[in-house]
Protein backbone atom coordinates (compact mmCIF):
# COMPACT_ATOMS: atom_id res chain seq x y z
CA MET A 1 1.21 3.54 31.35
CA PHE A 2 -1.16 5.81 29.44
CA ASN A 3 -2.61 4.85 26.10
CA SER A 4 -0.50 6.32 23.28
CA LYS A 5 -3.70 6.56 21.25
CA LEU A 6 -4.12 9.85 23.09
CA PHE A 7 -0.51 10.90 23.62
CA LEU A 8 1.38 9.55 20.59
CA SER A 9 3.45 12.42 19.22
CA THR A 10 3.02 13.61 15.65
CA GLN A 11 5.50 12.71 12.92
CA LEU A 12 8.44 14.99 12.32
CA THR A 13 8.28 17.20 9.23
CA GLU A 14 11.43 15.55 7.89
CA PHE A 15 9.84 12.11 8.27
CA ASN A 16 6.68 13.20 6.45
CA GLU A 17 8.77 14.62 3.60
CA ALA A 18 10.76 11.37 3.32
CA VAL A 19 7.58 9.29 3.23
CA PHE A 20 6.05 11.60 0.61
CA LYS A 21 9.15 11.24 -1.57
CA TYR A 22 9.09 7.46 -1.15
CA ASN A 23 5.38 7.31 -2.04
CA SER A 24 6.02 9.38 -5.17
CA ILE A 25 8.63 6.88 -6.34
CA VAL A 26 6.28 3.96 -5.63
CA LYS A 27 3.45 5.64 -7.55
CA ASP A 28 5.71 6.20 -10.55
CA ILE A 29 6.98 2.61 -10.57
CA TYR A 30 3.57 0.99 -10.16
CA GLY A 31 2.00 3.52 -12.53
CA PHE A 32 4.27 2.29 -15.32
CA TYR A 33 3.63 -1.30 -14.21
CA ILE A 34 -0.14 -0.81 -14.46
CA GLU A 35 0.12 0.77 -17.90
CA ASN A 36 2.37 -1.94 -19.29
CA VAL A 37 0.27 -4.81 -17.93
CA ILE A 38 -2.93 -3.29 -19.32
CA LYS A 39 -1.30 -2.60 -22.70
CA ASN A 40 -0.39 -6.27 -22.89
CA LEU A 41 -3.84 -7.45 -21.75
CA ARG A 42 -5.57 -5.21 -24.27
CA SER A 43 -3.35 -6.56 -27.06
CA VAL A 44 -4.27 -10.12 -26.07
CA ASN A 45 -7.98 -9.43 -25.48
CA LYS A 46 -8.63 -7.02 -28.30
CA ASN A 47 -11.97 -5.18 -28.14
CA GLN A 48 -12.85 -6.76 -24.78
CA GLU A 49 -13.12 -3.26 -23.29
CA GLN A 50 -15.58 -2.18 -25.99
CA ILE A 51 -18.52 -4.38 -24.97
CA LEU A 52 -21.24 -3.14 -22.62
CA PRO A 53 -21.32 -5.34 -19.49
CA PHE A 54 -25.10 -5.98 -19.26
CA SER A 55 -26.35 -5.85 -22.83
CA ASN A 56 -23.12 -7.29 -24.32
CA LYS A 57 -23.55 -4.69 -27.06
CA SER A 58 -20.33 -3.92 -28.88
CA PHE A 59 -19.31 -0.36 -29.63
CA VAL A 60 -16.20 -1.19 -31.65
CA GLN A 61 -15.72 1.53 -34.24
CA LEU A 62 -16.48 0.31 -37.77
CA SER A 63 -15.80 1.99 -41.07
CA ASP A 64 -19.49 2.91 -41.54
CA TYR A 65 -19.99 4.39 -38.05
CA ASP A 66 -22.26 7.44 -37.86
CA ASN A 67 -20.64 9.95 -35.49
CA GLY A 68 -24.07 10.83 -34.08
CA THR A 69 -24.82 7.39 -32.63
CA PHE A 70 -24.70 6.36 -28.99
CA GLU A 71 -22.18 3.65 -29.86
CA TYR A 72 -19.88 6.18 -31.52
CA LYS A 73 -19.97 8.40 -28.44
CA LEU A 74 -19.07 5.43 -26.24
CA HIS A 75 -16.19 4.58 -28.52
CA HIS A 76 -15.08 8.19 -28.42
CA HIS A 77 -14.65 7.87 -24.66
CA ASP A 78 -12.74 4.64 -25.22
CA SER A 79 -10.44 6.31 -27.73
CA GLN A 80 -9.40 8.81 -25.08
CA GLN A 81 -7.86 5.96 -23.08
CA LEU A 82 -4.69 6.39 -25.12
CA LEU A 83 -3.85 8.99 -22.48
CA ASN A 84 -5.30 6.97 -19.56
CA LEU A 85 -4.55 3.36 -20.34
CA SER A 86 -5.10 2.20 -16.78
CA ILE A 87 -8.68 3.47 -16.52
CA SER A 88 -11.75 1.61 -17.72
CA PRO A 89 -13.67 3.37 -20.52
CA PHE A 90 -16.79 3.06 -18.34
CA ALA A 91 -15.12 5.00 -15.53
CA SER A 92 -13.54 7.52 -17.89
CA PRO A 93 -16.72 9.63 -18.41
CA SER A 94 -16.64 10.41 -14.68
CA GLY A 95 -13.44 12.35 -15.24
CA LEU A 96 -11.13 9.81 -13.61
CA THR A 97 -7.66 9.77 -15.14
CA HIS A 98 -4.52 7.76 -14.51
CA GLU A 99 -2.89 10.79 -12.89
CA LYS A 100 -5.86 11.35 -10.56
CA PHE A 101 -5.99 7.68 -9.64
CA MET A 102 -2.29 7.55 -8.70
CA LEU A 103 -2.44 10.95 -6.97
CA ASN A 104 -5.27 9.81 -4.71
CA TYR A 105 -4.06 6.23 -4.37
CA ASN A 106 -4.96 4.50 -1.14
CA PRO A 107 -4.05 0.82 -0.61
CA THR A 108 -7.44 0.14 0.97
CA ILE A 109 -9.33 1.14 -2.18
CA GLY A 110 -10.26 -1.61 -4.63
CA SER A 111 -9.46 -1.60 -8.31
CA TRP A 112 -13.04 -1.43 -9.61
CA ASP A 113 -12.20 1.61 -11.74
CA LEU A 114 -9.26 0.06 -13.55
CA ALA A 115 -9.51 -1.41 -17.03
CA TYR A 116 -8.70 -4.83 -15.62
CA ASP A 117 -9.15 -6.20 -12.12
CA MET A 118 -5.68 -5.82 -10.64
CA ASP A 119 -4.81 -6.25 -6.99
CA LEU A 120 -3.42 -2.92 -5.79
CA SER A 121 -3.86 -3.57 -2.08
CA ALA A 122 -1.09 -3.04 0.47
CA ARG A 123 -0.19 -6.72 0.00
CA ILE A 124 1.12 -5.80 -3.45
CA VAL A 125 1.97 -2.11 -3.43
CA PRO A 126 4.36 -0.97 -0.65
CA PHE A 127 2.57 2.33 -0.16
CA VAL A 128 2.74 4.16 3.18
CA ASP A 129 -0.45 6.11 3.90
CA ILE A 130 0.53 8.10 6.97
CA ASN A 131 -2.68 10.12 6.82
CA ALA A 132 -5.00 7.12 6.56
CA ARG A 133 -8.70 7.78 7.15
CA ASP A 134 -11.72 5.51 7.27
CA HIS A 135 -15.02 5.89 5.41
CA THR A 136 -16.17 8.49 7.95
CA ASN A 137 -13.02 10.60 7.29
CA SER A 138 -11.75 9.84 10.79
CA SER A 139 -8.01 9.33 11.19
CA TYR A 140 -6.63 5.91 11.97
CA TYR A 141 -4.26 5.61 14.90
CA LEU A 142 -2.12 3.25 12.83
CA ASN A 143 0.43 1.43 15.02
CA SER A 144 -0.11 3.13 18.38
CA TYR A 145 -0.98 -0.28 19.84
CA ALA A 146 2.54 -1.48 18.95
CA LEU A 147 4.14 1.38 20.87
CA ASP A 148 1.86 0.67 23.83
CA PHE A 149 2.76 -3.01 23.85
CA PHE A 150 6.46 -2.17 23.53
CA ASN A 151 6.10 -0.04 26.66
CA HIS A 152 3.99 -2.30 28.87
CA GLY A 153 3.84 -5.75 27.19
CA SER A 154 0.28 -6.26 28.40
CA GLU A 155 -2.42 -7.87 26.26
CA ILE A 156 -5.07 -6.82 28.78
CA SER A 157 -4.09 -3.16 28.43
CA LEU A 158 -4.35 -3.39 24.64
CA ILE A 159 -7.86 -4.77 24.92
CA GLU A 160 -9.01 -2.26 27.54
CA GLU A 161 -7.18 0.91 26.45
CA ASN A 162 -6.72 0.47 22.69
CA GLN A 163 -10.10 -1.25 22.31
CA ILE A 164 -8.57 -4.06 20.23
CA ASN A 165 -10.64 -7.22 19.94
CA SER A 166 -9.19 -9.96 22.16
CA GLY A 167 -9.05 -12.31 19.17
CA ASP A 168 -6.93 -9.85 17.14
CA THR A 169 -4.14 -8.93 19.54
CA ASN A 170 -2.00 -12.00 18.88
CA ASN A 171 -2.14 -11.66 15.08
CA LEU A 172 -1.56 -7.89 15.10
CA LEU A 173 1.46 -8.11 17.38
CA PHE A 174 2.86 -11.15 15.58
CA ASP A 175 2.58 -9.40 12.20
CA TYR A 176 4.29 -6.34 13.63
CA SER A 177 7.11 -8.49 14.97
CA LEU A 178 7.55 -10.08 11.55
CA MET A 179 7.72 -6.63 10.01
CA LEU A 180 10.49 -5.61 12.41
CA SER A 181 12.35 -8.82 11.54
CA SER A 182 11.99 -8.09 7.83
CA ILE A 183 13.39 -4.59 8.28
CA THR A 184 16.41 -5.79 10.28
CA THR A 185 17.08 -8.57 7.75
CA SER A 186 16.95 -6.08 4.88
CA LEU A 187 19.32 -3.69 6.66
CA LYS A 188 21.69 -6.57 7.40
CA VAL A 189 21.74 -7.50 3.70
CA ILE A 190 22.51 -3.88 2.80
CA ILE A 191 25.35 -3.69 5.34
CA ASP A 192 26.86 -6.99 4.18
CA ASN A 193 26.72 -5.78 0.60
CA LYS A 194 28.26 -2.42 1.52
CA ASN A 195 31.16 -4.18 3.28
CA LYS A 196 32.03 -5.88 -0.01
CA GLN A 197 32.28 -2.58 -1.85
CA THR A 198 35.21 -0.20 -2.06
CA ALA A 199 33.27 2.95 -1.21
CA ILE A 200 31.37 2.37 2.05
CA ASP A 201 30.72 5.96 3.16
CA ASP A 202 26.99 5.47 3.78
CA ILE A 203 27.54 2.39 5.96
CA GLN A 204 27.87 4.88 8.83
CA PHE A 205 24.17 5.59 8.28
CA PHE A 206 22.92 2.01 7.92
CA LYS A 207 24.91 0.36 10.72
CA PRO A 208 23.55 2.47 13.65
CA LEU A 209 20.05 2.21 12.17
CA TYR A 210 20.36 -1.58 12.00
CA GLU A 211 21.58 -1.77 15.61
CA LYS A 212 18.73 0.39 16.92
CA ILE A 213 15.96 -1.41 15.05
CA SER A 214 17.47 -4.80 15.86
CA ASN A 215 17.40 -3.89 19.55
CA ILE A 216 13.76 -2.78 19.27
CA LYS A 217 12.91 -6.04 17.49
CA ASP A 218 14.53 -8.14 20.25
CA ILE A 219 12.76 -6.26 23.06
CA PHE A 220 9.42 -6.47 21.26
CA ALA A 221 9.89 -10.21 20.59
CA ASP A 222 10.77 -10.93 24.22
CA LYS A 223 7.61 -9.16 25.43
CA PHE A 224 5.52 -10.89 22.78
CA TYR A 225 6.61 -14.41 23.75
CA LYS A 226 6.25 -13.56 27.43
CA ALA A 227 2.62 -12.54 26.77
CA TYR A 228 2.03 -15.48 24.39
CA PRO A 229 4.29 -18.30 25.65
CA TYR A 230 2.58 -20.96 23.53
CA THR A 231 3.29 -19.23 20.22
CA LYS A 232 6.00 -20.87 18.14
CA ARG A 233 9.07 -18.64 18.03
CA ASN A 234 9.90 -17.67 14.44
CA PHE A 235 11.98 -14.51 15.00
């Protein structure tokens, strides 16, 4: 078996388009979520965003403000946040906007530039970055190790060919197995719900998909527990 890190085929155009459409929906939903949460936090912690972090100097606009002062200029930037509620006034002068943040969203990036420290990691936001790159702008190979293991079921090959640390193989494969289980469970719930409805035209789409992924999940699980016989079976 050759390492799919070198021979894994590229995604189909239709798949990329579907993922892009899905990501757009996620960005819209979580964009509104971010705005609403920050609106509420700003109403509770009024003026908290108008205090310099090191000097604790306030630049809240007062009735006798001189529009030529440094404080006034800072407040002017803050006033523009009516259009970019999710962005900190201290990041705003850099030109960052809510639209730019969501357009370039990557689940591995922290939330340092948001008005409040919100967790927007992949643990929270179900965002699929199919063109993921590291800090050197090199592409990740994403789940090629999972395809390799599905083909050969060998931990040794993953360590030697995929260059995965020996202490990480168990956790990576176990997490992938759990993901497959989650997908099959979700599809099963959809099918059961569709069977209770009068119009079940699209069940012809979900049922074959469920059967295929369920079969993949079972094969993957069998190979996993053969390679790691002492792991407690949870799926």
